[in-house]
Amino acid sequence: MAAHAWSHDERSLIVRAARETRRTWPNHEWTTEPHEDRIDLFERLAGSKDRVGRERLLTCGAVLANVEAAIRVLAWLPETELAGSVPEPDRVARVTASRRTRLGAPDFARHRAVFGRALPGQPPAAADLVTHLLDEMPAVARGVGVVGLEPDQEPELPRIGWKLRHHFQHEEFAGLSWTSMLLITGTEQRQDLVRAGWLAQNLVLAATKHRLICSVVTEVFELPAARGALSASLGVGGLPQLLLAVGSPARVTGGEPTRLDGTPSWRRKTG
């Protein structure tokens, strides 16, 4: 079946959704190329500060999640092909669509969350927050695991505990109750890193939809020794790549989750 030919307006909507990733992910070394029958996602290699490419690929996965959310709200089923290293070493993924899909409330809600808009109502209970968010995933990210952390575990994590303490001592986190998740990949091949970023961003969208505040932490996992020590300490197979902290705000105003200073949570840059 031939791929759908995107109109100018459809391409604009998809690109706007991709750009929203910059609100919550620290790495901006990527670009989307909208074509008539496909959307290509590239990592920008020239002049990159991320020599290994780990953070860049994680962020590309997050961009991919937003692109798919936009395509779904256009009533098309995204068909995503993750690229290998040849013949285009900088192309991360190609997304096409050849089949229509029936739109549902979750599709609209996920697309609204891309732009930081929440559903009315109160956040889910913190006790089963991780399970609640995982149940809302649009698909399974093969090769990526999620490990929930207790609040008192974070400061004791080897190599990175002190960095996380420093991160959450900022006044913007004051008065929030946090639940944290480690995202772990089986390997550090580029496709596994992209899938980890994709899953993390879908968790961010699910949390935003429910008026929860998110912080994506990637930089503290930069050193391979830190990832290895953390994996051994927790007794898990694979390598931790990022931490996603989800917090319940002290108060909620309007239609957006807010910090104590009233700024919408999705405007915050994290790292």
C-alpha atoms as a PDB file:
ATOM      1  CA  MET A   1       0.000   0.000   0.000  1.00  0.00           C
ATOM      2  CA  ALA A   2       1.361   3.410  -0.984  1.00  0.00           C
ATOM      3  CA  ALA A   3       2.417   5.774   1.793  1.00  0.00           C
ATOM      4  CA  HIS A   4       0.172   8.741   2.494  1.00  0.00           C
ATOM      5  CA  ALA A   5       1.277  12.038   0.915  1.00  0.00           C
ATOM      6  CA  TRP A   6       1.403  14.644   3.670  1.00  0.00           C
ATOM      7  CA  SER A   7      -0.157  18.035   2.997  1.00  0.00           C
ATOM      8  CA  HIS A   8       1.668  21.235   3.935  1.00  0.00           C
ATOM      9  CA  ASP A   9      -0.550  21.680   7.003  1.00  0.00           C
ATOM     10  CA  GLU A  10       0.010  18.085   8.129  1.00  0.00           C
ATOM     11  CA  ARG A  11       3.774  18.439   7.791  1.00  0.00           C
ATOM     12  CA  SER A  12       3.657  21.689   9.782  1.00  0.00           C
ATOM     13  CA  LEU A  13       1.723  20.040  12.619  1.00  0.00           C
ATOM     14  CA  ILE A  14       4.213  17.152  12.774  1.00  0.00           C
ATOM     15  CA  VAL A  15       7.238  19.465  12.816  1.00  0.00           C
ATOM     16  CA  ARG A  16       5.699  21.616  15.570  1.00  0.00           C
ATOM     17  CA  ALA A  17       5.187  18.497  17.688  1.00  0.00           C
ATOM     18  CA  ALA A  18       8.818  17.479  17.159  1.00  0.00           C
ATOM     19  CA  ARG A  19      10.055  20.912  18.265  1.00  0.00           C
ATOM     20  CA  GLU A  20       8.151  20.641  21.549  1.00  0.00           C
ATOM     21  CA  THR A  21      10.703  18.022  22.646  1.00  0.00           C
ATOM     22  CA  ARG A  22      13.131  20.859  23.335  1.00  0.00           C
ATOM     23  CA  ARG A  23      11.095  21.924  26.343  1.00  0.00           C
ATOM     24  CA  THR A  24      12.066  18.934  28.462  1.00  0.00           C
ATOM     25  CA  TRP A  25      15.125  17.307  26.812  1.00  0.00           C
ATOM     26  CA  PRO A  26      18.583  18.890  27.085  1.00  0.00           C
ATOM     27  CA  ASN A  27      20.105  17.736  23.774  1.00  0.00           C
ATOM     28  CA  HIS A  28      19.027  19.632  20.640  1.00  0.00           C
ATOM     29  CA  GLU A  29      21.369  17.969  18.132  1.00  0.00           C
ATOM     30  CA  TRP A  30      18.712  16.537  15.857  1.00  0.00           C
ATOM     31  CA  THR A  31      16.590  17.608  12.924  1.00  0.00           C
ATOM     32  CA  THR A  32      13.412  16.441  11.205  1.00  0.00           C
ATOM     33  CA  GLU A  33      13.041  16.410   7.431  1.00  0.00           C
ATOM     34  CA  PRO A  34       9.419  16.321   6.287  1.00  0.00           C
ATOM     35  CA  HIS A  35       8.957  14.918   2.782  1.00  0.00           C
ATOM     36  CA  GLU A  36       5.773  14.385   0.832  1.00  0.00           C
ATOM     37  CA  ASP A  37       5.486  10.704   1.789  1.00  0.00           C
ATOM     38  CA  ARG A  38       7.718  10.373   4.870  1.00  0.00           C
ATOM     39  CA  ILE A  39       9.217  12.099   7.893  1.00  0.00           C
ATOM     40  CA  ASP A  40      12.951  11.512   8.375  1.00  0.00           C
ATOM     41  CA  LEU A  41      14.689  12.058  11.717  1.00  0.00           C
ATOM     42  CA  PHE A  42      18.439  12.750  11.751  1.00  0.00           C
ATOM     43  CA  GLU A  43      21.008  13.209  14.484  1.00  0.00           C
ATOM     44  CA  ARG A  44      23.305  16.168  13.856  1.00  0.00           C
ATOM     45  CA  LEU A  45      26.845  14.790  13.963  1.00  0.00           C
ATOM     46  CA  ALA A  46      28.822  17.816  12.755  1.00  0.00           C
ATOM     47  CA  GLY A  47      30.076  19.909  15.650  1.00  0.00           C
ATOM     48  CA  SER A  48      28.286  17.744  18.226  1.00  0.00           C
ATOM     49  CA  LYS A  49      29.313  18.142  21.871  1.00  0.00           C
ATOM     50  CA  ASP A  50      28.044  14.614  22.556  1.00  0.00           C
ATOM     51  CA  ARG A  51      30.930  12.627  21.088  1.00  0.00           C
ATOM     52  CA  VAL A  52      29.545   9.233  22.085  1.00  0.00           C
ATOM     53  CA  GLY A  53      26.025  10.119  20.953  1.00  0.00           C
ATOM     54  CA  ARG A  54      24.193   8.523  23.893  1.00  0.00           C
ATOM     55  CA  GLU A  55      22.218  11.617  24.949  1.00  0.00           C
ATOM     56  CA  ARG A  56      21.644  12.607  21.331  1.00  0.00           C
ATOM     57  CA  LEU A  57      20.062   9.245  20.520  1.00  0.00           C
ATOM     58  CA  LEU A  58      17.939   9.260  23.684  1.00  0.00           C
ATOM     59  CA  THR A  59      16.589  12.654  22.648  1.00  0.00           C
ATOM     60  CA  CYS A  60      15.942  11.434  19.096  1.00  0.00           C
ATOM     61  CA  GLY A  61      13.731   8.742  20.618  1.00  0.00           C
ATOM     62  CA  ALA A  62      11.769  11.437  22.447  1.00  0.00           C
ATOM     63  CA  VAL A  63      11.343  13.392  19.204  1.00  0.00           C
ATOM     64  CA  LEU A  64      10.075  10.228  17.545  1.00  0.00           C
ATOM     65  CA  ALA A  65       7.405   9.810  20.246  1.00  0.00           C
ATOM     66  CA  ASN A  66       6.100  13.330  19.585  1.00  0.00           C
ATOM     67  CA  VAL A  67       6.110  12.787  15.811  1.00  0.00           C
ATOM     68  CA  GLU A  68       4.056   9.603  16.219  1.00  0.00           C
ATOM     69  CA  ALA A  69       1.603  11.363  18.534  1.00  0.00           C
ATOM     70  CA  ALA A  70       1.039  14.031  15.879  1.00  0.00           C
ATOM     71  CA  ILE A  71       0.528  11.464  13.136  1.00  0.00           C
ATOM     72  CA  ARG A  72      -2.014   9.587  15.242  1.00  0.00           C
ATOM     73  CA  VAL A  73      -4.063  12.708  15.856  1.00  0.00           C
ATOM     74  CA  LEU A  74      -4.237  13.115  12.059  1.00  0.00           C
ATOM     75  CA  ALA A  75      -6.014   9.718  12.042  1.00  0.00           C
ATOM     76  CA  TRP A  76      -3.083   7.841  10.499  1.00  0.00           C
ATOM     77  CA  LEU A  77      -1.205   4.879  11.968  1.00  0.00           C
ATOM     78  CA  PRO A  78       2.534   5.711  12.127  1.00  0.00           C
ATOM     79  CA  GLU A  79       4.865   3.106  10.644  1.00  0.00           C
ATOM     80  CA  THR A  80       8.331   3.652  12.072  1.00  0.00           C
ATOM     81  CA  GLU A  81      11.553   2.185  10.726  1.00  0.00           C
ATOM     82  CA  LEU A  82      14.616   2.629  12.927  1.00  0.00           C
ATOM     83  CA  ALA A  83      17.686   3.061  10.753  1.00  0.00           C
ATOM     84  CA  GLY A  84      20.976   1.211  11.009  1.00  0.00           C
ATOM     85  CA  SER A  85      24.378   2.818  10.514  1.00  0.00           C
ATOM     86  CA  VAL A  86      24.377   2.492   6.703  1.00  0.00           C
ATOM     87  CA  PRO A  87      23.863   3.886   4.141  1.00  0.00           C
ATOM     88  CA  GLU A  88      22.935   7.112   5.999  1.00  0.00           C
ATOM     89  CA  PRO A  89      24.904   7.099   9.266  1.00  0.00           C
ATOM     90  CA  ASP A  90      23.057  10.156  10.601  1.00  0.00           C
ATOM     91  CA  ARG A  91      19.492   9.033   9.881  1.00  0.00           C
ATOM     92  CA  VAL A  92      17.853   7.688  13.030  1.00  0.00           C
ATOM     93  CA  ALA A  93      14.350   6.847  11.834  1.00  0.00           C
ATOM     94  CA  ARG A  94      11.851   7.156   8.989  1.00  0.00           C
ATOM     95  CA  VAL A  95       8.131   7.422   9.678  1.00  0.00           C
ATOM     96  CA  THR A  96       5.461   6.809   7.063  1.00  0.00           C
ATOM     97  CA  ALA A  97       1.743   6.075   7.168  1.00  0.00           C
ATOM     98  CA  SER A  98      -0.365   4.014   4.789  1.00  0.00           C
ATOM     99  CA  ARG A  99      -3.311   3.006   6.976  1.00  0.00           C
ATOM    100  CA  ARG A 100      -5.994   5.129   8.551  1.00  0.00           C
ATOM    101  CA  THR A 101      -6.816   4.619  12.217  1.00  0.00           C
ATOM    102  CA  ARG A 102      -9.827   5.380  14.348  1.00  0.00           C
ATOM    103  CA  LEU A 103      -9.161   8.295  16.669  1.00  0.00           C
ATOM    104  CA  GLY A 104      -9.840   7.818  20.360  1.00  0.00           C
ATOM    105  CA  ALA A 105      -9.691   9.943  23.489  1.00  0.00           C
ATOM    106  CA  PRO A 106      -6.150   8.693  24.343  1.00  0.00           C
ATOM    107  CA  ASP A 107      -4.855   9.961  20.970  1.00  0.00           C
ATOM    108  CA  PHE A 108      -6.261  13.440  21.544  1.00  0.00           C
ATOM    109  CA  ALA A 109      -5.001  13.504  25.138  1.00  0.00           C
ATOM    110  CA  ARG A 110      -1.483  12.400  24.146  1.00  0.00           C
ATOM    111  CA  HIS A 111      -1.280  15.062  21.442  1.00  0.00           C
ATOM    112  CA  ARG A 112      -2.462  17.752  23.861  1.00  0.00           C
ATOM    113  CA  ALA A 113       0.223  16.614  26.301  1.00  0.00           C
ATOM    114  CA  VAL A 114       2.891  17.183  23.622  1.00  0.00           C
ATOM    115  CA  PHE A 115       2.090  20.892  24.024  1.00  0.00           C
ATOM    116  CA  GLY A 116       1.884  20.714  27.824  1.00  0.00           C
ATOM    117  CA  ARG A 117      -1.896  20.562  28.133  1.00  0.00           C
ATOM    118  CA  ALA A 118      -3.477  18.345  30.787  1.00  0.00           C
ATOM    119  CA  LEU A 119      -6.828  16.688  31.218  1.00  0.00           C
ATOM    120  CA  PRO A 120      -9.222  18.026  33.867  1.00  0.00           C
ATOM    121  CA  GLY A 121      -9.285  16.194  37.162  1.00  0.00           C
ATOM    122  CA  GLN A 122      -6.778  15.224  39.797  1.00  0.00           C
ATOM    123  CA  PRO A 123      -3.515  13.252  39.356  1.00  0.00           C
ATOM    124  CA  PRO A 124      -3.561   9.482  40.020  1.00  0.00           C
ATOM    125  CA  ALA A 125      -2.510   8.222  43.438  1.00  0.00           C
ATOM    126  CA  ALA A 126       1.241   8.182  44.006  1.00  0.00           C
ATOM    127  CA  ALA A 127       1.127   4.630  45.354  1.00  0.00           C
ATOM    128  CA  ASP A 128       0.521   3.039  41.928  1.00  0.00           C
ATOM    129  CA  LEU A 129       1.821   5.852  39.732  1.00  0.00           C
ATOM    130  CA  VAL A 130       4.476   3.851  37.861  1.00  0.00           C
ATOM    131  CA  THR A 131       2.037   1.055  36.972  1.00  0.00           C
ATOM    132  CA  HIS A 132      -0.607   3.600  35.982  1.00  0.00           C
ATOM    133  CA  LEU A 133       1.733   5.403  33.577  1.00  0.00           C
ATOM    134  CA  LEU A 134       3.114   2.205  32.033  1.00  0.00           C
ATOM    135  CA  ASP A 135      -0.426   0.975  31.380  1.00  0.00           C
ATOM    136  CA  GLU A 136      -0.966   4.008  29.133  1.00  0.00           C
ATOM    137  CA  MET A 137       1.915   3.318  26.767  1.00  0.00           C
ATOM    138  CA  PRO A 138       0.861   3.111  23.073  1.00  0.00           C
ATOM    139  CA  ALA A 139       3.196   0.159  22.476  1.00  0.00           C
ATOM    140  CA  VAL A 140       6.050  -1.827  24.008  1.00  0.00           C
ATOM    141  CA  ALA A 141       9.643  -0.595  23.675  1.00  0.00           C
ATOM    142  CA  ARG A 142      11.533  -3.806  22.931  1.00  0.00           C
ATOM    143  CA  GLY A 143      14.823  -4.086  24.821  1.00  0.00           C
ATOM    144  CA  VAL A 144      14.013  -1.397  27.411  1.00  0.00           C
ATOM    145  CA  GLY A 145      13.137  -2.024  31.056  1.00  0.00           C
ATOM    146  CA  VAL A 146      11.757   0.227  33.782  1.00  0.00           C
ATOM    147  CA  VAL A 147      12.766  -0.005  37.448  1.00  0.00           C
ATOM    148  CA  GLY A 148      10.845   2.002  40.041  1.00  0.00           C
ATOM    149  CA  LEU A 149      12.850   3.615  42.852  1.00  0.00           C
ATOM    150  CA  GLU A 150      11.822   4.434  46.383  1.00  0.00           C
ATOM    151  CA  PRO A 151      12.463   8.083  47.386  1.00  0.00           C
ATOM    152  CA  ASP A 152      15.119   7.118  49.920  1.00  0.00           C
ATOM    153  CA  GLN A 153      17.033   5.040  47.341  1.00  0.00           C
ATOM    154  CA  GLU A 154      18.109   7.951  45.126  1.00  0.00           C
ATOM    155  CA  PRO A 155      20.673   9.549  47.501  1.00  0.00           C
ATOM    156  CA  GLU A 156      22.343   6.152  48.029  1.00  0.00           C
ATOM    157  CA  LEU A 157      22.808   5.261  44.376  1.00  0.00           C
ATOM    158  CA  PRO A 158      26.515   4.679  43.632  1.00  0.00           C
ATOM    159  CA  ARG A 159      28.351   7.296  41.574  1.00  0.00           C
ATOM    160  CA  ILE A 160      25.240   9.381  40.864  1.00  0.00           C
ATOM    161  CA  GLY A 161      23.436   9.723  44.210  1.00  0.00           C
ATOM    162  CA  TRP A 162      25.103  13.024  45.137  1.00  0.00           C
ATOM    163  CA  LYS A 163      24.333  14.472  41.687  1.00  0.00           C
ATOM    164  CA  LEU A 164      20.671  13.565  42.024  1.00  0.00           C
ATOM    165  CA  ARG A 165      20.589  15.168  45.500  1.00  0.00           C
ATOM    166  CA  HIS A 166      21.995  18.353  43.998  1.00  0.00           C
ATOM    167  CA  HIS A 167      19.517  18.227  41.106  1.00  0.00           C
ATOM    168  CA  PHE A 168      16.490  17.957  43.391  1.00  0.00           C
ATOM    169  CA  GLN A 169      17.702  20.625  45.838  1.00  0.00           C
ATOM    170  CA  HIS A 170      16.728  23.364  43.360  1.00  0.00           C
ATOM    171  CA  GLU A 171      13.883  25.480  44.709  1.00  0.00           C
ATOM    172  CA  GLU A 172      11.649  24.532  41.747  1.00  0.00           C
ATOM    173  CA  PHE A 173      11.337  21.047  43.273  1.00  0.00           C
ATOM    174  CA  ALA A 174      10.407  22.277  46.751  1.00  0.00           C
ATOM    175  CA  GLY A 175       7.220  20.834  48.198  1.00  0.00           C
ATOM    176  CA  LEU A 176       6.801  18.106  45.573  1.00  0.00           C
ATOM    177  CA  SER A 177       6.355  14.386  46.200  1.00  0.00           C
ATOM    178  CA  TRP A 178       8.466  12.411  43.713  1.00  0.00           C
ATOM    179  CA  THR A 179       8.333   8.949  42.197  1.00  0.00           C
ATOM    180  CA  SER A 180      11.368   7.975  40.122  1.00  0.00           C
ATOM    181  CA  MET A 181      11.938   5.438  37.371  1.00  0.00           C
ATOM    182  CA  LEU A 182      15.199   4.202  35.885  1.00  0.00           C
ATOM    183  CA  LEU A 183      15.080   3.258  32.216  1.00  0.00           C
ATOM    184  CA  ILE A 184      17.465   0.429  31.414  1.00  0.00           C
ATOM    185  CA  THR A 185      18.591  -0.908  28.042  1.00  0.00           C
ATOM    186  CA  GLY A 186      19.884  -4.388  27.267  1.00  0.00           C
ATOM    187  CA  THR A 187      22.674  -2.964  25.103  1.00  0.00           C
ATOM    188  CA  GLU A 188      23.985   0.452  24.130  1.00  0.00           C
ATOM    189  CA  GLN A 189      23.350   0.000  20.450  1.00  0.00           C
ATOM    190  CA  ARG A 190      21.786   3.047  18.826  1.00  0.00           C
ATOM    191  CA  GLN A 191      18.363   1.457  18.345  1.00  0.00           C
ATOM    192  CA  ASP A 192      18.099   0.516  22.036  1.00  0.00           C
ATOM    193  CA  LEU A 193      18.983   4.076  23.053  1.00  0.00           C
ATOM    194  CA  VAL A 194      16.362   5.476  20.666  1.00  0.00           C
ATOM    195  CA  ARG A 195      13.747   3.101  22.102  1.00  0.00           C
ATOM    196  CA  ALA A 196      14.652   4.200  25.645  1.00  0.00           C
ATOM    197  CA  GLY A 197      14.120   7.859  24.735  1.00  0.00           C
ATOM    198  CA  TRP A 198      10.862   6.968  22.985  1.00  0.00           C
ATOM    199  CA  LEU A 199       9.546   5.180  26.078  1.00  0.00           C
ATOM    200  CA  ALA A 200      10.675   7.975  28.396  1.00  0.00           C
ATOM    201  CA  GLN A 201       8.907  10.634  26.342  1.00  0.00           C
ATOM    202  CA  ASN A 202       5.697   8.602  26.205  1.00  0.00           C
ATOM    203  CA  LEU A 203       5.887   8.388  30.009  1.00  0.00           C
ATOM    204  CA  VAL A 204       6.370  12.173  30.108  1.00  0.00           C
ATOM    205  CA  LEU A 205       3.280  12.631  27.922  1.00  0.00           C
ATOM    206  CA  ALA A 206       1.227  10.292  30.116  1.00  0.00           C
ATOM    207  CA  ALA A 207       2.346  12.164  33.246  1.00  0.00           C
ATOM    208  CA  THR A 208       1.710  15.593  31.718  1.00  0.00           C
ATOM    209  CA  LYS A 209      -1.771  14.485  30.713  1.00  0.00           C
ATOM    210  CA  HIS A 210      -2.488  13.795  34.401  1.00  0.00           C
ATOM    211  CA  ARG A 211      -1.165  17.148  35.671  1.00  0.00           C
ATOM    212  CA  LEU A 212       2.072  15.657  36.957  1.00  0.00           C
ATOM    213  CA  ILE A 213       5.480  17.350  36.780  1.00  0.00           C
ATOM    214  CA  CYS A 214       8.380  15.569  35.056  1.00  0.00           C
ATOM    215  CA  SER A 215      12.142  15.855  35.199  1.00  0.00           C
ATOM    216  CA  VAL A 216      14.252  13.891  32.709  1.00  0.00           C
ATOM    217  CA  VAL A 217      17.786  13.355  34.055  1.00  0.00           C
ATOM    218  CA  THR A 218      20.368  12.046  31.576  1.00  0.00           C
ATOM    219  CA  GLU A 219      23.716  13.737  32.186  1.00  0.00           C
ATOM    220  CA  VAL A 220      24.529  11.973  35.468  1.00  0.00           C
ATOM    221  CA  PHE A 221      24.609   8.675  33.549  1.00  0.00           C
ATOM    222  CA  GLU A 222      27.222   9.902  31.088  1.00  0.00           C
ATOM    223  CA  LEU A 223      30.177   7.891  32.437  1.00  0.00           C
ATOM    224  CA  PRO A 224      30.135   4.159  31.559  1.00  0.00           C
ATOM    225  CA  ALA A 225      31.549   3.360  35.018  1.00  0.00           C
ATOM    226  CA  ALA A 226      28.562   5.069  36.640  1.00  0.00           C
ATOM    227  CA  ARG A 227      26.105   3.048  34.565  1.00  0.00           C
ATOM    228  CA  GLY A 228      27.926  -0.193  35.366  1.00  0.00           C
ATOM    229  CA  ALA A 229      28.140   0.506  39.108  1.00  0.00           C
ATOM    230  CA  LEU A 230      24.473   1.417  39.261  1.00  0.00           C
ATOM    231  CA  SER A 231      23.448  -1.746  37.439  1.00  0.00           C
ATOM    232  CA  ALA A 232      25.490  -3.889  39.846  1.00  0.00           C
ATOM    233  CA  SER A 233      24.125  -2.067  42.900  1.00  0.00           C
ATOM    234  CA  LEU A 234      20.501  -2.594  41.876  1.00  0.00           C
ATOM    235  CA  GLY A 235      21.088  -6.165  40.719  1.00  0.00           C
ATOM    236  CA  VAL A 236      19.511  -5.574  37.335  1.00  0.00           C
ATOM    237  CA  GLY A 237      20.587  -6.775  33.919  1.00  0.00           C
ATOM    238  CA  GLY A 238      21.401  -4.107  31.382  1.00  0.00           C
ATOM    239  CA  LEU A 239      22.575  -0.534  31.710  1.00  0.00           C
ATOM    240  CA  PRO A 240      20.662   2.411  33.238  1.00  0.00           C
ATOM    241  CA  GLN A 241      20.417   5.276  30.735  1.00  0.00           C
ATOM    242  CA  LEU A 242      18.225   7.916  32.343  1.00  0.00           C
ATOM    243  CA  LEU A 243      16.070   8.709  35.335  1.00  0.00           C
ATOM    244  CA  LEU A 244      12.541  10.008  34.978  1.00  0.00           C
ATOM    245  CA  ALA A 245      11.184  11.702  38.102  1.00  0.00           C
ATOM    246  CA  VAL A 246       7.447  12.333  38.267  1.00  0.00           C
ATOM    247  CA  GLY A 247       6.145  14.676  40.934  1.00  0.00           C
ATOM    248  CA  SER A 248       2.744  15.620  42.277  1.00  0.00           C
ATOM    249  CA  PRO A 249       2.447  19.422  42.349  1.00  0.00           C
ATOM    250  CA  ALA A 250       1.474  21.225  45.528  1.00  0.00           C
ATOM    251  CA  ARG A 251      -1.341  22.912  43.642  1.00  0.00           C
ATOM    252  CA  VAL A 252      -2.914  22.785  40.187  1.00  0.00           C
ATOM    253  CA  THR A 253      -4.239  25.799  38.339  1.00  0.00           C
ATOM    254  CA  GLY A 254      -6.049  26.126  35.032  1.00  0.00           C
ATOM    255  CA  GLY A 255      -5.511  23.336  32.558  1.00  0.00           C
ATOM    256  CA  GLU A 256      -1.772  22.867  33.054  1.00  0.00           C
ATOM    257  CA  PRO A 257       0.414  21.305  35.746  1.00  0.00           C
ATOM    258  CA  THR A 258       2.265  24.110  37.547  1.00  0.00           C
ATOM    259  CA  ARG A 259       5.241  24.575  39.786  1.00  0.00           C
ATOM    260  CA  LEU A 260       4.979  26.540  43.005  1.00  0.00           C
ATOM    261  CA  ASP A 261       5.995  29.704  41.124  1.00  0.00           C
ATOM    262  CA  GLY A 262       3.088  29.239  38.726  1.00  0.00           C
ATOM    263  CA  THR A 263       5.238  28.430  35.668  1.00  0.00           C
ATOM    264  CA  PRO A 264       3.909  25.523  33.545  1.00  0.00           C
ATOM    265  CA  SER A 265       6.086  22.506  34.329  1.00  0.00           C
ATOM    266  CA  TRP A 266       6.743  21.643  30.688  1.00  0.00           C
ATOM    267  CA  ARG A 267       8.651  24.899  30.169  1.00  0.00           C
ATOM    268  CA  ARG A 268      11.462  23.727  32.395  1.00  0.00           C
ATOM    269  CA  LYS A 269      14.722  22.634  30.773  1.00  0.00           C
ATOM    270  CA  THR A 270      16.174  19.589  32.512  1.00  0.00           C
ATOM    271  CA  GLY A 271      19.362  17.641  32.455  1.00  0.00           C
END
